[in-house]
Amino acid sequence: MKTLIASLAAAVLVLLVSCSKPAPPPAGDRDHDLVKAGDIAGQEYYTCPMHPWVRSDRPGPCPVCGMAMVKRSARGSDSLAEAEGIQAVSLSPTQRVLANVSTRPVARQALDQILDAVGVVTYAESNQATVSARFGGRIEKLYVNFTGDLVRRGQPLFELHSPDLVSAEQEYVLALQAVENAGNTDASLRAQQESLLQAIHERLMVHFGLTEGQIAAVAGSRSVHSNAVFYSPMRGTVIAKQIQEGQYVSEGMVLYQLADLSTVWVIIDVYESSIRSVRVGQPVVVTTEAYPNETFSGRVTFIDPSVDPENRTVRVRTEFSNPGGKLRPQMFVRARVTVPSVPGLVIPASAVLATGRRNVVWVEVRPNVFEPRDVVLGIRTDDACQVLSGLSEGEQVAVTGGFMLDSESQLQQPAGGQHQPPAVPAAPSRDTAVPPAEGGPRAVRIDVNVD
């Protein structure tokens, strides 16, 4: 028992002595000492890719995560310190080849933007016509009896019977006879009769819709016709039919809706963020699922002045020639609008690293030395971007390997303001002293034998 108490007392004494006076680590294990930033200039050291503040002068596993540490160069110079201050990355020729870092100069050229949108085919309003009843009556006969029928201009549509028409034709016949009876006896009376005849003639044409041929037939036969035939005002397709034979109609009632499908409109929806690039007259190309290998060309004819509040898009009207009738109303299409631009600075799209809040491009400022640049982008396509600010013409930008350069920059320089724990040795052996933080006590391994 006395031996045990004596051994414990000796251990406590040794511990107190070691805490009051720091002792250097064993000479044989000095390779595991701390590596300070001021002591590694011109040397090589090892650091953890995941914990860059862990540094050692020999290889081994990281004491924090166990990952194998990698060799870094601590070459110190004013130019390198300046490059590190702006998060520049310096690569050796071998590292550049292994990382597949290639560059391309910033060029000035015109970049055509392509806007993709979806749309719906609809009738061209300028190529539509409405056939309505000019006066009340009864439908005696229908010559076009089906929706979807193709009609030509001047083709008979229906035949209408009306007492009002009979009265107007009788008035015309009487006025015509009065003019003939007046002769040359009284010039003023004859002028009045001719004026009345002309008024009735205009009424038959404008109000009742009779043609010159129908009026001439009444004048030639000196008899009225109880039924009047009405004709198609245009060539097109019947898109609506509202009447049946024997039906009574009133003045102003819509009987037929006609549309010429040789020209159609396509209404596309463009997001408000892209509407600034759309102009009237720009070319548009659409494709359909019905004809996947065929494209249809048109142009922008109108841009809606308001924004749809539900989907935040702007309706853009485009016009297409449709001689074959392949573009059918209510058909869905995919549209591409070509937006030409003025010449500007253009870089490949692969050179831009989007971080969410900013766009970064790595620029080769000196041979094998790269620094990041914040850029403001304009028009973007699938393989190129227009640069509004941040770069100059002729500068070399990294088009491949940008992610590697960004990762290397993060490894070499932790984010500003990040607290860096003190460096620790890589893999201390069982009997190796672990150096404490600057100014702190050293921990020493103590072996106590208890008999």
Protein backbone atom coordinates (compact mmCIF):
# COMPACT_ATOMS: atom_id res chain seq x y z
CA MET A 1 0.00 0.00 0.00
CA LYS A 2 2.82 2.34 0.80
CA THR A 3 4.35 1.56 -2.59
CA LEU A 4 1.07 2.55 -4.37
CA ILE A 5 0.81 5.86 -2.50
CA ALA A 6 4.42 6.64 -3.31
CA SER A 7 3.91 5.96 -7.01
CA LEU A 8 0.84 8.21 -7.21
CA ALA A 9 2.64 11.02 -5.43
CA ALA A 10 5.52 10.76 -7.89
CA ALA A 11 3.11 10.93 -10.83
CA VAL A 12 1.40 14.05 -9.47
CA LEU A 13 4.78 15.70 -8.95
CA VAL A 14 5.85 14.97 -12.51
CA LEU A 15 2.57 16.39 -13.86
CA LEU A 16 2.96 19.63 -11.90
CA VAL A 17 6.48 20.07 -13.15
CA SER A 18 5.44 19.54 -16.78
CA CYS A 19 2.63 22.10 -16.51
CA SER A 20 4.81 24.77 -14.97
CA LYS A 21 7.59 24.47 -17.53
CA PRO A 22 6.85 23.47 -21.14
CA ALA A 23 9.02 20.67 -22.41
CA PRO A 24 9.94 20.19 -26.05
CA PRO A 25 8.62 17.09 -27.76
CA PRO A 26 10.93 14.13 -28.08
CA ALA A 27 13.67 14.68 -30.58
CA GLY A 28 12.78 11.61 -32.55
CA ASP A 29 9.26 12.87 -33.21
CA ARG A 30 9.94 16.51 -34.15
CA ASP A 31 8.53 15.83 -37.63
CA HIS A 32 5.09 15.87 -36.03
CA ASP A 33 5.47 19.38 -34.62
CA LEU A 34 3.03 22.11 -35.62
CA VAL A 35 3.60 23.69 -39.01
CA LYS A 36 3.04 27.43 -38.79
CA ALA A 37 2.35 29.69 -41.77
CA GLY A 38 5.53 31.65 -41.11
CA ASP A 39 7.71 28.53 -40.94
CA ILE A 40 6.68 26.87 -44.22
CA ALA A 41 7.74 29.54 -46.67
CA GLY A 42 9.65 27.89 -49.48
CA GLN A 43 8.68 24.42 -48.22
CA GLU A 44 6.05 21.80 -48.98
CA TYR A 45 3.47 20.67 -46.47
CA TYR A 46 0.48 18.37 -46.23
CA THR A 47 -3.09 19.46 -45.62
CA CYS A 48 -6.57 17.95 -45.52
CA PRO A 49 -8.84 18.74 -48.51
CA MET A 50 -11.83 18.90 -46.17
CA HIS A 51 -10.09 20.82 -43.34
CA PRO A 52 -7.48 23.12 -44.96
CA TRP A 53 -6.36 24.55 -41.59
CA VAL A 54 -4.88 21.14 -40.69
CA ARG A 55 -1.24 21.22 -41.86
CA SER A 56 1.69 18.90 -41.31
CA ASP A 57 5.19 18.43 -42.68
CA ARG A 58 4.66 14.72 -43.32
CA PRO A 59 1.91 12.66 -44.97
CA GLY A 60 -0.74 10.80 -43.02
CA PRO A 61 -4.43 10.72 -42.21
CA CYS A 62 -6.26 13.86 -41.13
CA PRO A 63 -6.73 13.82 -37.34
CA VAL A 64 -10.21 15.34 -37.76
CA CYS A 65 -11.85 13.20 -40.45
CA GLY A 66 -9.24 10.54 -41.25
CA MET A 67 -8.93 11.51 -44.93
CA ALA A 68 -5.46 11.17 -46.47
CA MET A 69 -3.74 14.54 -46.56
CA VAL A 70 -2.34 15.90 -49.82
CA LYS A 71 0.86 17.77 -50.56
CA ARG A 72 0.77 21.53 -51.03
CA SER A 73 3.41 24.01 -52.03
CA ALA A 74 4.10 26.90 -49.67
CA ARG A 75 6.18 28.92 -52.09
CA GLY A 76 5.95 32.48 -50.84
CA SER A 77 6.40 35.54 -52.98
CA ASP A 78 4.87 38.95 -53.22
CA SER A 79 3.07 38.07 -56.45
CA LEU A 80 1.67 34.84 -55.03
CA ALA A 81 0.56 36.55 -51.84
CA GLU A 82 -1.17 39.14 -53.97
CA ALA A 83 -2.85 36.39 -56.03
CA GLU A 84 -3.99 34.66 -52.83
CA GLY A 85 -5.45 37.93 -51.63
CA ILE A 86 -7.85 37.86 -54.58
CA GLN A 87 -8.39 34.09 -54.41
CA ALA A 88 -6.23 33.39 -57.44
CA VAL A 89 -5.20 29.84 -58.25
CA SER A 90 -1.79 28.87 -59.58
CA LEU A 91 -1.35 25.56 -61.40
CA SER A 92 1.69 23.78 -62.66
CA PRO A 93 1.64 22.67 -66.30
CA THR A 94 1.12 19.07 -65.20
CA GLN A 95 -1.77 20.01 -62.91
CA ARG A 96 -3.37 21.99 -65.70
CA VAL A 97 -3.25 19.01 -68.06
CA LEU A 98 -4.58 16.61 -65.44
CA ALA A 99 -7.41 18.99 -64.52
CA ASN A 100 -8.31 19.48 -68.20
CA VAL A 101 -8.24 23.27 -67.94
CA SER A 102 -8.58 24.89 -71.35
CA THR A 103 -9.10 28.55 -72.25
CA ARG A 104 -10.64 30.58 -75.03
CA PRO A 105 -10.42 34.32 -75.73
CA VAL A 106 -13.37 36.63 -75.17
CA ALA A 107 -14.69 37.51 -78.64
CA ARG A 108 -16.97 40.26 -79.93
CA GLN A 109 -19.78 38.95 -82.09
CA ALA A 110 -23.54 39.08 -82.59
CA LEU A 111 -25.47 36.46 -80.63
CA ASP A 112 -28.94 35.40 -81.71
CA GLN A 113 -31.16 34.46 -78.79
CA ILE A 114 -33.72 31.68 -79.19
CA LEU A 115 -36.89 31.91 -77.10
CA ASP A 116 -38.85 28.68 -76.69
CA ALA A 117 -42.58 28.92 -76.00
CA VAL A 118 -45.82 27.00 -76.41
CA GLY A 119 -48.89 28.18 -78.25
CA VAL A 120 -52.30 27.37 -79.71
CA VAL A 121 -53.48 27.69 -83.31
CA THR A 122 -56.58 29.83 -83.78
CA TYR A 123 -58.56 31.49 -86.54
CA ALA A 124 -57.23 34.69 -88.07
CA GLU A 125 -59.82 37.30 -87.14
CA SER A 126 -59.18 39.24 -90.33
CA ASN A 127 -60.15 36.16 -92.37
CA GLN A 128 -63.53 35.54 -90.73
CA ALA A 129 -67.03 36.50 -91.85
CA THR A 130 -70.48 36.39 -90.23
CA VAL A 131 -73.61 35.79 -92.30
CA SER A 132 -76.66 37.19 -90.51
CA ALA A 133 -80.32 37.75 -91.40
CA ARG A 134 -80.81 41.20 -92.90
CA PHE A 135 -84.56 40.99 -92.33
CA GLY A 136 -87.06 38.65 -90.73
CA GLY A 137 -88.48 35.67 -92.60
CA ARG A 138 -88.52 31.88 -93.01
CA ILE A 139 -85.71 29.63 -94.24
CA GLU A 140 -87.09 27.91 -97.32
CA LYS A 141 -83.97 26.00 -98.38
CA LEU A 142 -80.39 25.38 -97.21
CA TYR A 143 -77.67 24.89 -99.81
CA VAL A 144 -74.90 24.45 -97.18
CA ASN A 145 -76.15 22.28 -94.36
CA PHE A 146 -73.06 21.10 -92.47
CA THR A 147 -70.44 22.66 -90.20
CA GLY A 148 -66.97 22.18 -91.69
CA ASP A 149 -68.10 22.40 -95.32
CA LEU A 150 -65.79 24.26 -97.67
CA VAL A 151 -67.51 27.08 -99.57
CA ARG A 152 -66.32 29.35 -102.33
CA ARG A 153 -67.03 33.03 -102.75
CA GLY A 154 -70.50 33.61 -104.33
CA GLN A 155 -71.75 30.08 -103.56
CA PRO A 156 -75.47 29.91 -102.52
CA LEU A 157 -75.95 29.38 -98.79
CA PHE A 158 -79.71 29.55 -98.13
CA GLU A 159 -83.02 30.78 -99.51
CA LEU A 160 -85.22 33.12 -97.44
CA HIS A 161 -88.90 34.05 -97.82
CA SER A 162 -90.09 37.36 -96.37
CA PRO A 163 -93.21 39.54 -96.83
CA ASP A 164 -91.02 42.61 -96.26
CA LEU A 165 -88.95 41.67 -99.28
CA VAL A 166 -92.07 41.21 -101.41
CA SER A 167 -93.27 44.72 -100.46
CA ALA A 168 -89.91 46.29 -101.28
CA GLU A 169 -89.80 44.59 -104.70
CA GLN A 170 -93.34 45.78 -105.48
CA GLU A 171 -92.32 49.35 -104.66
CA TYR A 172 -89.35 48.99 -107.01
CA VAL A 173 -91.57 47.74 -109.88
CA LEU A 174 -94.04 50.63 -109.40
CA ALA A 175 -91.25 53.22 -109.30
CA LEU A 176 -89.77 51.76 -112.47
CA GLN A 177 -93.13 52.00 -114.27
CA ALA A 178 -93.59 55.60 -113.06
CA VAL A 179 -90.28 56.62 -114.60
CA GLU A 180 -91.25 55.01 -117.91
CA ASN A 181 -94.67 56.71 -117.94
CA ALA A 182 -93.24 60.14 -117.17
CA GLY A 183 -91.38 60.14 -120.50
CA ASN A 184 -90.15 63.52 -121.64
CA THR A 185 -93.30 65.45 -120.79
CA ASP A 186 -92.10 67.00 -117.56
CA ALA A 187 -88.39 67.04 -116.82
CA SER A 188 -88.80 67.90 -113.13
CA LEU A 189 -91.35 65.13 -112.56
CA ARG A 190 -89.16 62.63 -114.32
CA ALA A 191 -86.19 63.63 -112.14
CA GLN A 192 -88.26 63.05 -109.02
CA GLN A 193 -89.34 59.60 -110.20
CA GLU A 194 -85.78 58.62 -111.05
CA SER A 195 -84.62 59.79 -107.62
CA LEU A 196 -87.30 57.62 -105.94
CA LEU A 197 -86.34 54.65 -108.08
CA GLN A 198 -82.67 55.03 -107.13
CA ALA A 199 -83.57 55.18 -103.42
CA ILE A 200 -85.59 51.96 -103.64
CA HIS A 201 -82.74 50.32 -105.59
CA GLU A 202 -80.26 51.23 -102.85
CA ARG A 203 -82.63 49.90 -100.18
CA LEU A 204 -82.89 46.53 -101.92
CA MET A 205 -79.10 46.26 -102.07
CA VAL A 206 -78.12 47.63 -98.66
CA HIS A 207 -80.95 46.55 -96.39
CA PHE A 208 -82.19 43.39 -98.09
CA GLY A 209 -78.84 42.30 -99.50
CA LEU A 210 -79.93 41.62 -103.06
CA THR A 211 -77.33 41.56 -105.80
CA GLU A 212 -77.39 43.62 -109.00
CA GLY A 213 -78.36 40.50 -110.89
CA GLN A 214 -81.36 39.82 -108.63
CA ILE A 215 -82.56 43.43 -108.93
CA ALA A 216 -82.10 43.31 -112.70
CA ALA A 217 -84.22 40.13 -112.81
CA VAL A 218 -87.05 41.93 -110.99
CA ALA A 219 -86.78 44.89 -113.35
CA GLY A 220 -86.76 42.67 -116.43
CA SER A 221 -89.76 40.54 -115.45
CA ARG A 222 -91.72 43.42 -113.86
CA SER A 223 -92.71 40.90 -111.16
CA VAL A 224 -91.70 40.23 -107.58
CA HIS A 225 -89.90 37.17 -106.25
CA SER A 226 -91.13 35.95 -102.87
CA ASN A 227 -87.88 34.14 -102.09
CA ALA A 228 -84.35 35.52 -102.12
CA VAL A 229 -81.15 33.47 -102.33
CA PHE A 230 -78.15 34.63 -100.28
CA TYR A 231 -74.54 33.84 -101.18
CA SER A 232 -71.23 33.32 -99.39
CA PRO A 233 -69.23 36.55 -99.03
CA MET A 234 -65.85 34.73 -98.98
CA ARG A 235 -64.01 31.52 -99.63
CA GLY A 236 -63.53 29.47 -96.51
CA THR A 237 -64.85 26.87 -94.08
CA VAL A 238 -68.16 26.86 -92.24
CA ILE A 239 -67.17 26.91 -88.57
CA ALA A 240 -70.70 27.44 -87.23
CA LYS A 241 -74.27 26.94 -88.58
CA GLN A 242 -77.21 28.22 -86.54
CA ILE A 243 -80.26 27.52 -88.76
CA GLN A 244 -82.42 24.71 -90.15
CA GLU A 245 -84.87 24.55 -93.06
CA GLY A 246 -88.29 25.92 -92.13
CA GLN A 247 -86.92 27.95 -89.25
CA TYR A 248 -88.12 31.52 -88.75
CA VAL A 249 -85.37 34.05 -88.24
CA SER A 250 -85.40 37.63 -87.04
CA GLU A 251 -83.42 40.60 -88.29
CA GLY A 252 -79.78 40.47 -87.15
CA MET A 253 -79.78 36.77 -86.23
CA VAL A 254 -76.42 35.01 -86.91
CA LEU A 255 -76.91 32.23 -89.47
CA TYR A 256 -73.37 31.16 -90.45
CA GLN A 257 -69.77 31.73 -89.29
CA LEU A 258 -67.13 31.40 -92.01
CA ALA A 259 -63.33 31.37 -91.73
CA ASP A 260 -60.55 31.23 -94.30
CA LEU A 261 -57.92 28.79 -92.97
CA SER A 262 -55.33 29.57 -95.62
CA THR A 263 -53.87 31.94 -92.98
CA VAL A 264 -54.02 31.20 -89.26
CA TRP A 265 -52.84 32.80 -86.05
CA VAL A 266 -50.74 31.11 -83.37
CA ILE A 267 -51.02 32.66 -79.90
CA ILE A 268 -47.87 31.92 -77.89
CA ASP A 269 -47.13 32.70 -74.24
CA VAL A 270 -43.80 34.40 -73.53
CA TYR A 271 -42.54 34.90 -69.96
CA GLU A 272 -42.39 38.52 -68.88
CA SER A 273 -38.65 38.21 -68.22
CA SER A 274 -38.08 37.58 -71.95
CA ILE A 275 -40.70 39.85 -73.49
CA ARG A 276 -38.17 42.70 -73.84
CA SER A 277 -36.48 40.70 -76.62
CA VAL A 278 -39.62 40.18 -78.72
CA ARG A 279 -40.41 42.62 -81.52
CA VAL A 280 -43.11 42.81 -84.19
CA GLY A 281 -41.86 41.29 -87.44
CA GLN A 282 -39.46 38.77 -85.87
CA PRO A 283 -39.43 35.32 -87.49
CA VAL A 284 -41.10 32.42 -85.66
CA VAL A 285 -40.86 28.70 -86.32
CA VAL A 286 -43.36 26.20 -84.88
CA THR A 287 -43.54 22.42 -84.75
CA THR A 288 -46.49 20.16 -83.98
CA GLU A 289 -46.93 16.65 -82.68
CA ALA A 290 -49.00 15.79 -85.74
CA TYR A 291 -46.09 16.62 -88.09
CA PRO A 292 -42.92 16.18 -85.96
CA ASN A 293 -40.53 16.32 -88.92
CA GLU A 294 -42.04 19.45 -90.44
CA THR A 295 -41.62 23.10 -89.44
CA PHE A 296 -43.87 26.06 -90.19
CA SER A 297 -42.52 29.60 -90.57
CA GLY A 298 -44.33 32.79 -89.61
CA ARG A 299 -43.76 36.16 -88.00
CA VAL A 300 -44.78 38.17 -84.93
CA THR A 301 -47.68 40.51 -85.71
CA PHE A 302 -48.84 41.74 -82.28
CA ILE A 303 -47.69 41.81 -78.63
CA ASP A 304 -50.31 42.06 -75.92
CA PRO A 305 -49.83 45.22 -73.81
CA SER A 306 -50.79 43.45 -70.55
CA VAL A 307 -49.39 40.51 -68.53
CA ASP A 308 -51.47 37.51 -67.54
CA PRO A 309 -51.61 37.75 -63.71
CA GLU A 310 -51.96 33.99 -63.22
CA ASN A 311 -48.96 32.58 -65.11
CA ARG A 312 -46.96 35.84 -65.58
CA THR A 313 -46.77 35.55 -69.35
CA VAL A 314 -47.50 37.89 -72.25
CA ARG A 315 -49.63 36.75 -75.20
CA VAL A 316 -47.85 37.19 -78.52
CA ARG A 317 -49.79 36.84 -81.79
CA THR A 318 -48.00 35.28 -84.73
CA GLU A 319 -49.29 34.74 -88.25
CA PHE A 320 -48.66 31.71 -90.51
CA SER A 321 -49.50 30.84 -94.07
CA ASN A 322 -51.46 27.58 -94.09
CA PRO A 323 -52.19 26.62 -97.71
CA GLY A 324 -52.33 22.89 -96.98
CA GLY A 325 -54.57 23.27 -93.95
CA LYS A 326 -52.17 21.31 -91.69
CA LEU A 327 -52.32 23.89 -88.93
CA ARG A 328 -55.76 23.35 -87.47
CA PRO A 329 -57.46 25.60 -84.91
CA GLN A 330 -56.96 24.60 -81.25
CA MET A 331 -53.85 22.57 -82.15
CA PHE A 332 -50.95 22.85 -79.65
CA VAL A 333 -47.55 23.86 -81.06
CA ARG A 334 -44.01 24.54 -79.86
CA ALA A 335 -42.64 27.85 -81.04
CA ARG A 336 -39.11 29.26 -81.33
CA VAL A 337 -38.61 32.99 -81.70
CA THR A 338 -35.26 34.16 -83.09
CA VAL A 339 -34.04 37.36 -81.41
CA PRO A 340 -31.10 39.01 -83.26
CA SER A 341 -28.75 41.14 -81.16
CA VAL A 342 -26.10 43.78 -81.70
CA PRO A 343 -22.44 42.67 -81.56
CA GLY A 344 -21.10 42.29 -78.02
CA LEU A 345 -18.68 40.29 -75.89
CA VAL A 346 -19.49 36.56 -76.06
CA ILE A 347 -18.05 33.62 -74.09
CA PRO A 348 -18.92 29.91 -74.12
CA ALA A 349 -21.68 28.92 -71.72
CA SER A 350 -19.40 26.33 -70.10
CA ALA A 351 -17.15 29.14 -68.81
CA VAL A 352 -19.83 30.51 -66.48
CA LEU A 353 -20.19 29.14 -62.95
CA ALA A 354 -23.60 30.14 -61.54
CA THR A 355 -23.48 30.36 -57.74
CA GLY A 356 -27.07 31.50 -57.31
CA ARG A 357 -26.43 35.15 -56.47
CA ARG A 358 -23.67 35.81 -58.99
CA ASN A 359 -22.01 34.46 -62.11
CA VAL A 360 -18.28 33.74 -61.96
CA VAL A 361 -15.76 33.30 -64.78
CA TRP A 362 -12.15 32.18 -64.24
CA VAL A 363 -9.69 34.38 -66.17
CA GLU A 364 -6.07 33.46 -66.90
CA VAL A 365 -4.28 36.64 -65.79
CA ARG A 366 -0.80 35.15 -66.17
CA PRO A 367 0.43 31.86 -67.53
CA ASN A 368 -1.21 29.13 -65.42
CA VAL A 369 -2.53 31.69 -62.90
CA PHE A 370 -6.31 32.12 -62.77
CA GLU A 371 -8.50 34.55 -60.89
CA PRO A 372 -12.31 34.70 -60.57
CA ARG A 373 -14.36 37.51 -62.09
CA ASP A 374 -17.95 38.45 -61.39
CA VAL A 375 -19.74 39.07 -64.68
CA VAL A 376 -23.14 40.42 -65.70
CA LEU A 377 -24.75 38.33 -68.44
CA GLY A 378 -27.17 39.38 -71.16
CA ILE A 379 -28.52 37.10 -73.88
CA ARG A 380 -27.99 33.39 -73.29
CA THR A 381 -28.19 30.47 -75.68
CA ASP A 382 -27.50 26.78 -75.26
CA ASP A 383 -23.77 27.16 -75.93
CA ALA A 384 -22.89 30.86 -75.51
CA CYS A 385 -23.51 33.86 -73.24
CA GLN A 386 -23.33 37.59 -73.85
CA VAL A 387 -21.24 39.47 -71.25
CA LEU A 388 -22.39 42.98 -70.38
CA SER A 389 -19.65 43.76 -67.83
CA GLY A 390 -16.74 42.11 -66.03
CA LEU A 391 -14.55 41.08 -68.99
CA SER A 392 -12.57 42.69 -71.78
CA GLU A 393 -12.15 41.55 -75.34
CA GLY A 394 -9.23 39.17 -75.82
CA GLU A 395 -8.99 37.95 -72.21
CA GLN A 396 -8.54 34.22 -71.83
CA VAL A 397 -11.34 32.49 -69.88
CA ALA A 398 -11.42 28.90 -68.68
CA VAL A 399 -14.03 26.99 -70.67
CA THR A 400 -13.27 23.62 -69.02
CA GLY A 401 -12.02 22.84 -65.55
CA GLY A 402 -13.76 25.81 -63.93
CA PHE A 403 -15.21 23.70 -61.13
CA MET A 404 -11.75 22.34 -60.33
CA LEU A 405 -10.33 25.87 -60.15
CA ASP A 406 -13.13 26.92 -57.82
CA SER A 407 -12.53 23.91 -55.56
CA GLU A 408 -8.78 24.56 -55.54
CA SER A 409 -9.41 28.17 -54.56
CA GLN A 410 -11.58 27.07 -51.66
CA LEU A 411 -8.93 24.62 -50.46
CA GLN A 412 -6.10 27.12 -50.64
CA GLN A 413 -8.04 29.95 -49.06
CA PRO A 414 -10.85 29.38 -46.59
CA ALA A 415 -13.75 31.78 -46.73
CA GLY A 416 -13.06 35.20 -45.28
CA GLY A 417 -13.89 35.54 -41.61
CA GLN A 418 -13.90 31.78 -40.99
CA HIS A 419 -12.38 30.76 -37.68
CA GLN A 420 -9.35 28.56 -38.20
CA PRO A 421 -8.59 26.08 -35.42
CA PRO A 422 -4.94 25.70 -34.57
CA ALA A 423 -2.95 23.27 -36.66
CA VAL A 424 -2.50 19.78 -35.23
CA PRO A 425 -0.04 17.03 -36.14
CA ALA A 426 -1.03 14.56 -38.76
CA ALA A 427 -0.84 11.22 -36.99
CA PRO A 428 0.99 11.28 -33.64
CA SER A 429 2.31 7.99 -32.49
CA ARG A 430 1.49 6.47 -29.14
CA ASP A 431 4.54 7.95 -27.42
CA THR A 432 4.53 11.28 -29.23
CA ALA A 433 3.70 14.47 -27.37
CA VAL A 434 0.76 16.42 -28.80
CA PRO A 435 1.75 20.11 -28.95
CA PRO A 436 -0.82 22.40 -27.38
CA ALA A 437 -2.08 25.77 -28.61
CA GLU A 438 0.31 28.70 -28.41
CA GLY A 439 1.02 29.55 -24.75
CA GLY A 440 -0.84 26.58 -23.31
CA PRO A 441 0.47 23.67 -21.21
CA ARG A 442 1.82 20.54 -22.84
CA ALA A 443 0.20 17.20 -22.20
CA VAL A 444 2.64 14.37 -21.39
CA ARG A 445 1.91 10.69 -21.38
CA ILE A 446 2.51 9.19 -17.90
CA ASP A 447 2.91 5.48 -17.19
CA VAL A 448 2.07 4.49 -13.61
CA ASN A 449 2.93 1.01 -12.41
CA VAL A 450 0.93 -0.16 -9.42
CA ASP A 451 2.25 -3.15 -7.65
